Amino acid sequence: MIEITPATQDDLKYVQSIANQTWPDTFGEILSPEQIDYMLKWMYSLDTLEKQQNKGHLFYLAEENGQKMGFTGIEINQGPGKTKIHKIYILPSAQGKGVGKKLIQKIKEVALAKDQKSLLLNVNKYNEGAIAFYEYLGFKKIKEEVIDIGNGYVMDDFVFELKL
């Protein structure tokens, strides 16, 4: 049975580990190895994750039989009544087992308990599997954006929203 639990500061090492295992598979055909390395170091250093958690980001881990399978990181009230899903990744070996759906369900529960009206997330325009997953769950594309992340790199994304 898949359980979704809040991540403590000590658990952030699992978030980092899952990201490091997932990103090359997820983005290997979309981004250069150099950009993947740059973004992992920038977004998933333990220092960065701890700072986000201290600023109010909520992290949740998906686990089955003691094995960490995926995670999400969210921020409540990113715009009036909007919860932002900053991160959601599932180990390649755990994809297709309902982990992503369970994480989204947990996000919905947390957001609704905080009187949120919608969920927002960014997804790389070329990540067809993720786009199909979010559309399947009822998310709608609301805009496109290109974000300069430094070092000559950009995030070329669609922004999706799910009304709660």
N, C-alpha and C. Protein backbone atom coordinates (compact mmCIF):
# COMPACT_ATOMS: atom_id res chain seq x y z
N MET A 1 0.84 -1.18 0.00
CA MET A 1 0.00 0.00 0.00
C MET A 1 0.89 1.25 0.00
N ILE A 2 0.57 2.17 -0.87
CA ILE A 2 1.34 3.42 -0.99
C ILE A 2 0.85 4.41 0.07
N GLU A 3 1.81 4.92 0.84
CA GLU A 3 1.48 5.92 1.86
C GLU A 3 2.14 7.23 1.49
N ILE A 4 1.44 8.34 1.75
CA ILE A 4 1.97 9.68 1.52
C ILE A 4 2.12 10.33 2.89
N THR A 5 3.36 10.73 3.21
CA THR A 5 3.63 11.31 4.52
C THR A 5 4.41 12.62 4.37
N PRO A 6 4.22 13.54 5.32
CA PRO A 6 4.99 14.78 5.28
C PRO A 6 6.48 14.47 5.45
N ALA A 7 7.31 15.20 4.71
CA ALA A 7 8.75 15.03 4.82
C ALA A 7 9.29 15.97 5.89
N THR A 8 10.08 15.44 6.80
CA THR A 8 10.78 16.25 7.79
C THR A 8 12.05 16.81 7.14
N GLN A 9 12.74 17.65 7.86
CA GLN A 9 14.01 18.18 7.34
C GLN A 9 15.00 17.03 7.10
N ASP A 10 15.01 16.04 7.97
CA ASP A 10 15.88 14.88 7.78
C ASP A 10 15.51 14.07 6.53
N ASP A 11 14.25 14.14 6.12
CA ASP A 11 13.78 13.39 4.94
C ASP A 11 14.16 14.05 3.62
N LEU A 12 14.64 15.29 3.67
CA LEU A 12 14.95 16.00 2.42
C LEU A 12 16.04 15.29 1.61
N LYS A 13 16.85 14.47 2.27
CA LYS A 13 17.85 13.68 1.54
C LYS A 13 17.17 12.70 0.58
N TYR A 14 15.97 12.24 0.92
CA TYR A 14 15.24 11.35 0.03
C TYR A 14 14.69 12.12 -1.18
N VAL A 15 14.23 13.34 -0.93
CA VAL A 15 13.78 14.20 -2.03
C VAL A 15 14.94 14.39 -3.01
N GLN A 16 16.10 14.74 -2.47
CA GLN A 16 17.28 14.96 -3.31
C GLN A 16 17.65 13.68 -4.08
N SER A 17 17.65 12.56 -3.41
CA SER A 17 18.02 11.29 -4.02
C SER A 17 17.06 10.90 -5.15
N ILE A 18 15.77 11.05 -4.90
CA ILE A 18 14.77 10.72 -5.93
C ILE A 18 14.93 11.64 -7.14
N ALA A 19 15.14 12.92 -6.90
CA ALA A 19 15.36 13.86 -8.01
C ALA A 19 16.57 13.44 -8.82
N ASN A 20 17.67 13.12 -8.15
CA ASN A 20 18.89 12.73 -8.85
C ASN A 20 18.71 11.45 -9.65
N GLN A 21 17.85 10.55 -9.19
CA GLN A 21 17.59 9.30 -9.92
C GLN A 21 16.59 9.50 -11.05
N THR A 22 15.70 10.45 -10.89
CA THR A 22 14.59 10.63 -11.83
C THR A 22 14.93 11.55 -13.00
N TRP A 23 15.63 12.64 -12.72
CA TRP A 23 15.85 13.66 -13.74
C TRP A 23 16.53 13.16 -15.01
N PRO A 24 17.61 12.37 -14.92
CA PRO A 24 18.24 11.92 -16.18
C PRO A 24 17.27 11.14 -17.07
N ASP A 25 16.42 10.34 -16.47
CA ASP A 25 15.43 9.58 -17.24
C ASP A 25 14.33 10.50 -17.79
N THR A 26 13.86 11.40 -16.96
CA THR A 26 12.76 12.30 -17.33
C THR A 26 13.19 13.30 -18.41
N PHE A 27 14.38 13.87 -18.24
CA PHE A 27 14.79 14.98 -19.11
C PHE A 27 15.94 14.65 -20.05
N GLY A 28 16.39 13.40 -20.06
CA GLY A 28 17.54 13.01 -20.85
C GLY A 28 17.44 13.30 -22.34
N GLU A 29 16.23 13.25 -22.89
CA GLU A 29 16.04 13.53 -24.32
C GLU A 29 15.57 14.96 -24.57
N ILE A 30 15.39 15.74 -23.49
CA ILE A 30 14.87 17.11 -23.60
C ILE A 30 15.96 18.14 -23.31
N LEU A 31 16.76 17.88 -22.27
CA LEU A 31 17.79 18.83 -21.82
C LEU A 31 19.17 18.20 -21.96
N SER A 32 20.17 19.05 -22.07
CA SER A 32 21.55 18.56 -22.13
C SER A 32 21.95 18.01 -20.76
N PRO A 33 22.91 17.08 -20.73
CA PRO A 33 23.40 16.61 -19.42
C PRO A 33 23.92 17.75 -18.56
N GLU A 34 24.50 18.77 -19.18
CA GLU A 34 25.02 19.91 -18.44
C GLU A 34 23.88 20.70 -17.79
N GLN A 35 22.77 20.89 -18.52
CA GLN A 35 21.64 21.61 -17.93
C GLN A 35 21.00 20.80 -16.82
N ILE A 36 20.87 19.50 -17.00
CA ILE A 36 20.31 18.65 -15.95
C ILE A 36 21.17 18.76 -14.69
N ASP A 37 22.47 18.66 -14.84
CA ASP A 37 23.38 18.76 -13.71
C ASP A 37 23.27 20.12 -13.03
N TYR A 38 23.24 21.18 -13.83
CA TYR A 38 23.11 22.54 -13.30
C TYR A 38 21.82 22.69 -12.49
N MET A 39 20.70 22.24 -13.06
CA MET A 39 19.40 22.40 -12.39
C MET A 39 19.30 21.55 -11.13
N LEU A 40 19.83 20.33 -11.17
CA LEU A 40 19.80 19.49 -9.97
C LEU A 40 20.59 20.13 -8.84
N LYS A 41 21.78 20.66 -9.15
CA LYS A 41 22.58 21.30 -8.11
C LYS A 41 21.90 22.56 -7.58
N TRP A 42 21.25 23.30 -8.48
CA TRP A 42 20.60 24.55 -8.12
C TRP A 42 19.31 24.31 -7.32
N MET A 43 18.48 23.39 -7.78
CA MET A 43 17.15 23.21 -7.20
C MET A 43 17.09 22.16 -6.08
N TYR A 44 18.05 21.23 -6.07
CA TYR A 44 17.94 20.09 -5.16
C TYR A 44 19.12 19.93 -4.21
N SER A 45 19.88 20.99 -4.01
CA SER A 45 20.89 20.90 -2.94
C SER A 45 20.11 20.84 -1.62
N LEU A 46 20.69 20.19 -0.63
CA LEU A 46 20.00 20.11 0.66
C LEU A 46 19.80 21.50 1.24
N ASP A 47 20.74 22.39 1.02
CA ASP A 47 20.62 23.76 1.51
C ASP A 47 19.39 24.45 0.89
N THR A 48 19.23 24.31 -0.42
CA THR A 48 18.08 24.91 -1.12
C THR A 48 16.77 24.31 -0.62
N LEU A 49 16.72 22.99 -0.49
CA LEU A 49 15.49 22.33 -0.03
C LEU A 49 15.15 22.76 1.40
N GLU A 50 16.16 22.86 2.26
CA GLU A 50 15.92 23.29 3.64
C GLU A 50 15.41 24.73 3.69
N LYS A 51 16.00 25.60 2.87
CA LYS A 51 15.53 26.99 2.82
C LYS A 51 14.08 27.05 2.36
N GLN A 52 13.73 26.25 1.35
CA GLN A 52 12.34 26.24 0.88
C GLN A 52 11.41 25.76 1.98
N GLN A 53 11.79 24.70 2.66
CA GLN A 53 10.95 24.18 3.74
C GLN A 53 10.80 25.22 4.85
N ASN A 54 11.86 25.91 5.17
CA ASN A 54 11.81 26.94 6.22
C ASN A 54 10.94 28.13 5.81
N LYS A 55 10.78 28.35 4.49
CA LYS A 55 9.93 29.44 4.00
C LYS A 55 8.47 28.99 3.84
N GLY A 56 8.16 27.73 4.16
CA GLY A 56 6.78 27.29 4.11
C GLY A 56 6.44 26.28 3.03
N HIS A 57 7.42 25.89 2.21
CA HIS A 57 7.14 24.83 1.24
C HIS A 57 6.86 23.54 2.02
N LEU A 58 5.88 22.79 1.54
CA LEU A 58 5.52 21.52 2.16
C LEU A 58 5.99 20.40 1.23
N PHE A 59 6.71 19.44 1.79
CA PHE A 59 7.18 18.29 1.02
C PHE A 59 6.49 17.04 1.53
N TYR A 60 6.13 16.16 0.61
CA TYR A 60 5.51 14.88 0.94
C TYR A 60 6.23 13.78 0.19
N LEU A 61 6.40 12.64 0.87
CA LEU A 61 7.04 11.48 0.28
C LEU A 61 6.02 10.38 0.07
N ALA A 62 6.17 9.67 -1.05
CA ALA A 62 5.38 8.48 -1.31
C ALA A 62 6.25 7.28 -1.00
N GLU A 63 5.67 6.35 -0.24
CA GLU A 63 6.45 5.21 0.24
C GLU A 63 5.60 3.95 0.18
N GLU A 64 6.26 2.85 -0.13
CA GLU A 64 5.59 1.55 -0.09
C GLU A 64 6.57 0.53 0.48
N ASN A 65 6.15 -0.16 1.54
CA ASN A 65 7.00 -1.15 2.19
C ASN A 65 8.38 -0.61 2.54
N GLY A 66 8.41 0.62 3.03
CA GLY A 66 9.67 1.23 3.45
C GLY A 66 10.50 1.84 2.34
N GLN A 67 10.09 1.66 1.09
CA GLN A 67 10.85 2.23 -0.03
C GLN A 67 10.24 3.56 -0.46
N LYS A 68 11.09 4.59 -0.51
CA LYS A 68 10.66 5.90 -0.99
C LYS A 68 10.56 5.82 -2.51
N MET A 69 9.38 6.20 -3.04
CA MET A 69 9.10 6.03 -4.47
C MET A 69 8.93 7.34 -5.22
N GLY A 70 8.62 8.42 -4.51
CA GLY A 70 8.38 9.69 -5.16
C GLY A 70 8.17 10.78 -4.13
N PHE A 71 8.02 12.00 -4.62
CA PHE A 71 7.82 13.13 -3.72
C PHE A 71 7.12 14.26 -4.45
N THR A 72 6.63 15.19 -3.65
CA THR A 72 6.12 16.45 -4.17
C THR A 72 6.54 17.56 -3.22
N GLY A 73 6.63 18.75 -3.78
CA GLY A 73 6.89 19.95 -3.00
C GLY A 73 5.91 21.02 -3.44
N ILE A 74 5.17 21.58 -2.48
CA ILE A 74 4.11 22.54 -2.82
C ILE A 74 4.23 23.80 -1.97
N GLU A 75 3.55 24.84 -2.43
CA GLU A 75 3.49 26.09 -1.68
C GLU A 75 2.06 26.61 -1.75
N ILE A 76 1.49 26.83 -0.58
CA ILE A 76 0.11 27.31 -0.45
C ILE A 76 0.08 28.82 -0.74
N ASN A 77 -1.05 29.29 -1.28
CA ASN A 77 -1.30 30.73 -1.51
C ASN A 77 -0.29 31.39 -2.44
N GLN A 78 -0.07 30.78 -3.57
CA GLN A 78 0.74 31.39 -4.62
C GLN A 78 -0.22 32.07 -5.59
N GLY A 79 -0.68 33.21 -5.18
CA GLY A 79 -1.80 33.89 -5.84
C GLY A 79 -3.01 33.60 -4.98
N PRO A 80 -4.06 34.41 -5.13
CA PRO A 80 -5.24 34.22 -4.29
C PRO A 80 -5.84 32.82 -4.48
N GLY A 81 -5.82 32.03 -3.41
CA GLY A 81 -6.44 30.71 -3.44
C GLY A 81 -5.77 29.70 -4.35
N LYS A 82 -4.50 29.90 -4.65
CA LYS A 82 -3.79 29.01 -5.57
C LYS A 82 -2.62 28.33 -4.86
N THR A 83 -2.55 27.01 -5.00
CA THR A 83 -1.43 26.24 -4.49
C THR A 83 -0.54 25.86 -5.67
N LYS A 84 0.75 26.14 -5.52
CA LYS A 84 1.72 25.85 -6.57
C LYS A 84 2.40 24.52 -6.28
N ILE A 85 2.36 23.62 -7.26
CA ILE A 85 3.12 22.37 -7.19
C ILE A 85 4.48 22.68 -7.82
N HIS A 86 5.48 22.83 -6.98
CA HIS A 86 6.82 23.15 -7.48
C HIS A 86 7.55 21.92 -7.98
N LYS A 87 7.31 20.79 -7.33
CA LYS A 87 8.05 19.58 -7.65
C LYS A 87 7.13 18.37 -7.49
N ILE A 88 7.22 17.45 -8.43
CA ILE A 88 6.57 16.15 -8.27
C ILE A 88 7.29 15.17 -9.19
N TYR A 89 7.94 14.20 -8.57
CA TYR A 89 8.70 13.21 -9.33
C TYR A 89 8.53 11.84 -8.71
N ILE A 90 8.48 10.84 -9.58
CA ILE A 90 8.34 9.45 -9.17
C ILE A 90 9.49 8.68 -9.80
N LEU A 91 10.11 7.79 -9.03
CA LEU A 91 11.19 6.98 -9.57
C LEU A 91 10.71 6.25 -10.83
N PRO A 92 11.55 6.14 -11.84
CA PRO A 92 11.14 5.43 -13.06
C PRO A 92 10.60 4.03 -12.77
N SER A 93 11.20 3.33 -11.81
CA SER A 93 10.76 1.98 -11.47
C SER A 93 9.39 1.94 -10.80
N ALA A 94 8.93 3.08 -10.31
CA ALA A 94 7.63 3.14 -9.61
C ALA A 94 6.55 3.79 -10.46
N GLN A 95 6.88 4.25 -11.65
CA GLN A 95 5.88 4.92 -12.49
C GLN A 95 4.87 3.89 -13.00
N GLY A 96 3.62 4.34 -13.11
CA GLY A 96 2.55 3.46 -13.56
C GLY A 96 1.89 2.67 -12.44
N LYS A 97 2.28 2.93 -11.20
CA LYS A 97 1.73 2.21 -10.05
C LYS A 97 0.74 3.03 -9.25
N GLY A 98 0.40 4.22 -9.74
CA GLY A 98 -0.56 5.07 -9.03
C GLY A 98 0.07 6.03 -8.03
N VAL A 99 1.40 6.10 -7.99
CA VAL A 99 2.08 6.98 -7.04
C VAL A 99 1.76 8.44 -7.33
N GLY A 100 1.83 8.83 -8.60
CA GLY A 100 1.54 10.21 -8.99
C GLY A 100 0.12 10.61 -8.62
N LYS A 101 -0.84 9.74 -8.87
CA LYS A 101 -2.23 10.03 -8.52
C LYS A 101 -2.39 10.21 -7.01
N LYS A 102 -1.70 9.37 -6.24
CA LYS A 102 -1.78 9.48 -4.77
C LYS A 102 -1.17 10.80 -4.30
N LEU A 103 -0.05 11.21 -4.90
CA LEU A 103 0.56 12.48 -4.52
C LEU A 103 -0.36 13.65 -4.86
N ILE A 104 -0.97 13.61 -6.05
CA ILE A 104 -1.91 14.68 -6.44
C ILE A 104 -3.11 14.70 -5.50
N GLN A 105 -3.60 13.53 -5.11
CA GLN A 105 -4.72 13.48 -4.17
C GLN A 105 -4.35 14.11 -2.84
N LYS A 106 -3.14 13.85 -2.37
CA LYS A 106 -2.68 14.45 -1.11
C LYS A 106 -2.59 15.97 -1.25
N ILE A 107 -2.06 16.43 -2.39
CA ILE A 107 -1.97 17.87 -2.64
C ILE A 107 -3.36 18.50 -2.61
N LYS A 108 -4.32 17.86 -3.25
CA LYS A 108 -5.71 18.36 -3.25
C LYS A 108 -6.24 18.47 -1.82
N GLU A 109 -6.02 17.42 -1.02
CA GLU A 109 -6.51 17.42 0.37
C GLU A 109 -5.91 18.59 1.16
N VAL A 110 -4.61 18.76 1.04
CA VAL A 110 -3.92 19.83 1.76
C VAL A 110 -4.44 21.19 1.28
N ALA A 111 -4.56 21.37 -0.03
CA ALA A 111 -5.01 22.64 -0.60
C ALA A 111 -6.45 22.96 -0.16
N LEU A 112 -7.32 21.98 -0.25
CA LEU A 112 -8.72 22.20 0.14
C LEU A 112 -8.83 22.54 1.63
N ALA A 113 -8.01 21.91 2.46
CA ALA A 113 -8.02 22.21 3.90
C ALA A 113 -7.57 23.65 4.17
N LYS A 114 -6.85 24.24 3.22
CA LYS A 114 -6.38 25.62 3.36
C LYS A 114 -7.22 26.58 2.50
N ASP A 115 -8.41 26.13 2.09
CA ASP A 115 -9.36 26.94 1.32
C ASP A 115 -8.80 27.42 -0.02
N GLN A 116 -8.01 26.57 -0.65
CA GLN A 116 -7.47 26.91 -1.97
C GLN A 116 -8.51 26.56 -3.05
N LYS A 117 -8.44 27.29 -4.16
CA LYS A 117 -9.41 27.10 -5.24
C LYS A 117 -8.84 26.37 -6.44
N SER A 118 -7.48 26.36 -6.56
CA SER A 118 -6.88 25.68 -7.70
C SER A 118 -5.43 25.29 -7.42
N LEU A 119 -4.94 24.37 -8.24
CA LEU A 119 -3.54 23.95 -8.21
C LEU A 119 -2.88 24.45 -9.49
N LEU A 120 -1.67 24.93 -9.38
CA LEU A 120 -0.88 25.37 -10.52
C LEU A 120 0.41 24.57 -10.59
N LEU A 121 0.91 24.34 -11.78
CA LEU A 121 2.22 23.73 -11.95
C LEU A 121 2.79 24.10 -13.30
N ASN A 122 4.11 24.04 -13.39
CA ASN A 122 4.81 24.22 -14.66
C ASN A 122 5.28 22.85 -15.12
N VAL A 123 5.25 22.64 -16.43
CA VAL A 123 5.77 21.39 -17.00
C VAL A 123 6.52 21.75 -18.28
N ASN A 124 7.67 21.12 -18.47
CA ASN A 124 8.45 21.35 -19.68
C ASN A 124 7.59 21.04 -20.90
N LYS A 125 7.61 21.94 -21.88
CA LYS A 125 6.77 21.81 -23.08
C LYS A 125 6.99 20.51 -23.83
N TYR A 126 8.16 19.91 -23.66
CA TYR A 126 8.50 18.71 -24.41
C TYR A 126 8.39 17.43 -23.59
N ASN A 127 7.89 17.55 -22.37
CA ASN A 127 7.72 16.38 -21.50
C ASN A 127 6.32 15.80 -21.75
N GLU A 128 6.20 15.09 -22.85
CA GLU A 128 4.89 14.61 -23.31
C GLU A 128 4.22 13.68 -22.31
N GLY A 129 4.99 12.82 -21.65
CA GLY A 129 4.40 11.91 -20.66
C GLY A 129 3.77 12.65 -19.50
N ALA A 130 4.47 13.66 -18.99
CA ALA A 130 3.94 14.44 -17.87
C ALA A 130 2.71 15.24 -18.31
N ILE A 131 2.78 15.82 -19.49
CA ILE A 131 1.65 16.60 -20.01
C ILE A 131 0.42 15.71 -20.11
N ALA A 132 0.58 14.52 -20.67
CA ALA A 132 -0.55 13.58 -20.80
C ALA A 132 -1.10 13.20 -19.42
N PHE A 133 -0.22 12.99 -18.46
CA PHE A 133 -0.63 12.65 -17.10
C PHE A 133 -1.47 13.76 -16.48
N TYR A 134 -0.99 14.99 -16.57
CA TYR A 134 -1.72 16.11 -15.98
C TYR A 134 -3.06 16.34 -16.68
N GLU A 135 -3.08 16.23 -17.99
CA GLU A 135 -4.35 16.38 -18.72
C GLU A 135 -5.33 15.28 -18.32
N TYR A 136 -4.84 14.07 -18.16
CA TYR A 136 -5.67 12.95 -17.73
C TYR A 136 -6.32 13.24 -16.38
N LEU A 137 -5.59 13.93 -15.50
CA LEU A 137 -6.11 14.26 -14.16
C LEU A 137 -7.00 15.50 -14.16
N GLY A 138 -7.16 16.14 -15.32
CA GLY A 138 -8.06 17.28 -15.41
C GLY A 138 -7.39 18.64 -15.42
N PHE A 139 -6.07 18.69 -15.38
CA PHE A 139 -5.36 19.97 -15.48
C PHE A 139 -5.55 20.54 -16.88
N LYS A 140 -5.61 21.86 -16.96
CA LYS A 140 -5.76 22.57 -18.24
C LYS A 140 -4.59 23.52 -18.44
N LYS A 141 -4.07 23.56 -19.65
CA LYS A 141 -3.00 24.49 -19.97
C LYS A 141 -3.57 25.89 -20.01
N ILE A 142 -2.95 26.81 -19.23
CA ILE A 142 -3.47 28.18 -19.18
C ILE A 142 -2.52 29.19 -19.81
N LYS A 143 -1.24 28.83 -19.94
CA LYS A 143 -0.30 29.75 -20.59
C LYS A 143 1.03 29.04 -20.82
N GLU A 144 1.91 29.75 -21.51
CA GLU A 144 3.28 29.30 -21.72
C GLU A 144 4.21 30.33 -21.13
N GLU A 145 5.37 29.88 -20.65
CA GLU A 145 6.35 30.84 -20.17
C GLU A 145 7.76 30.29 -20.33
N VAL A 146 8.67 31.21 -20.58
CA VAL A 146 10.09 30.89 -20.66
C VAL A 146 10.77 31.63 -19.51
N ILE A 147 11.46 30.87 -18.66
CA ILE A 147 12.06 31.43 -17.46
C ILE A 147 13.58 31.29 -17.56
N ASP A 148 14.28 32.41 -17.50
CA ASP A 148 15.74 32.41 -17.51
C ASP A 148 16.21 31.92 -16.14
N ILE A 149 16.98 30.83 -16.13
CA ILE A 149 17.45 30.28 -14.85
C ILE A 149 18.96 30.45 -14.68
N GLY A 150 19.56 31.24 -15.54
CA GLY A 150 20.98 31.51 -15.40
C GLY A 150 21.85 30.53 -16.16
N ASN A 151 23.12 30.88 -16.27
CA ASN A 151 24.12 30.03 -16.91
C ASN A 151 23.79 29.74 -18.38
N GLY A 152 22.97 30.61 -18.99
CA GLY A 152 22.59 30.42 -20.38
C GLY A 152 21.43 29.46 -20.59
N TYR A 153 20.78 29.03 -19.51
CA TYR A 153 19.69 28.06 -19.59
C TYR A 153 18.34 28.72 -19.32
N VAL A 154 17.29 28.12 -19.90
CA VAL A 154 15.92 28.55 -19.64
C VAL A 154 15.06 27.33 -19.34
N MET A 155 13.95 27.59 -18.68
CA MET A 155 12.89 26.58 -18.55
C MET A 155 11.81 27.02 -19.52
N ASP A 156 11.50 26.17 -20.48
CA ASP A 156 10.52 26.44 -21.53
C ASP A 156 9.28 25.62 -21.19
N ASP A 157 8.31 26.25 -20.54
CA ASP A 157 7.23 25.53 -19.88
C ASP A 157 5.83 25.90 -20.34
N PHE A 158 4.92 24.95 -20.10
CA PHE A 158 3.49 25.23 -20.08
C PHE A 158 3.13 25.38 -18.59
N VAL A 159 2.15 26.24 -18.33
CA VAL A 159 1.59 26.34 -16.98
C VAL A 159 0.22 25.71 -17.04
N PHE A 160 -0.02 24.77 -16.12
CA PHE A 160 -1.28 24.06 -16.03
C PHE A 160 -2.00 24.44 -14.74
N GLU A 161 -3.32 24.36 -14.77
CA GLU A 161 -4.14 24.65 -13.59
C GLU A 161 -5.23 23.60 -13.48
N LEU A 162 -5.51 23.23 -12.24
CA LEU A 162 -6.62 22.35 -11.93
C LEU A 162 -7.51 23.08 -10.93
N LYS A 163 -8.76 23.33 -11.32
CA LYS A 163 -9.73 23.96 -10.41
C LYS A 163 -10.18 22.91 -9.40
N LEU A 164 -10.25 23.36 -8.14
CA LEU A 164 -10.68 22.43 -7.07
C LEU A 164 -12.14 22.63 -6.73
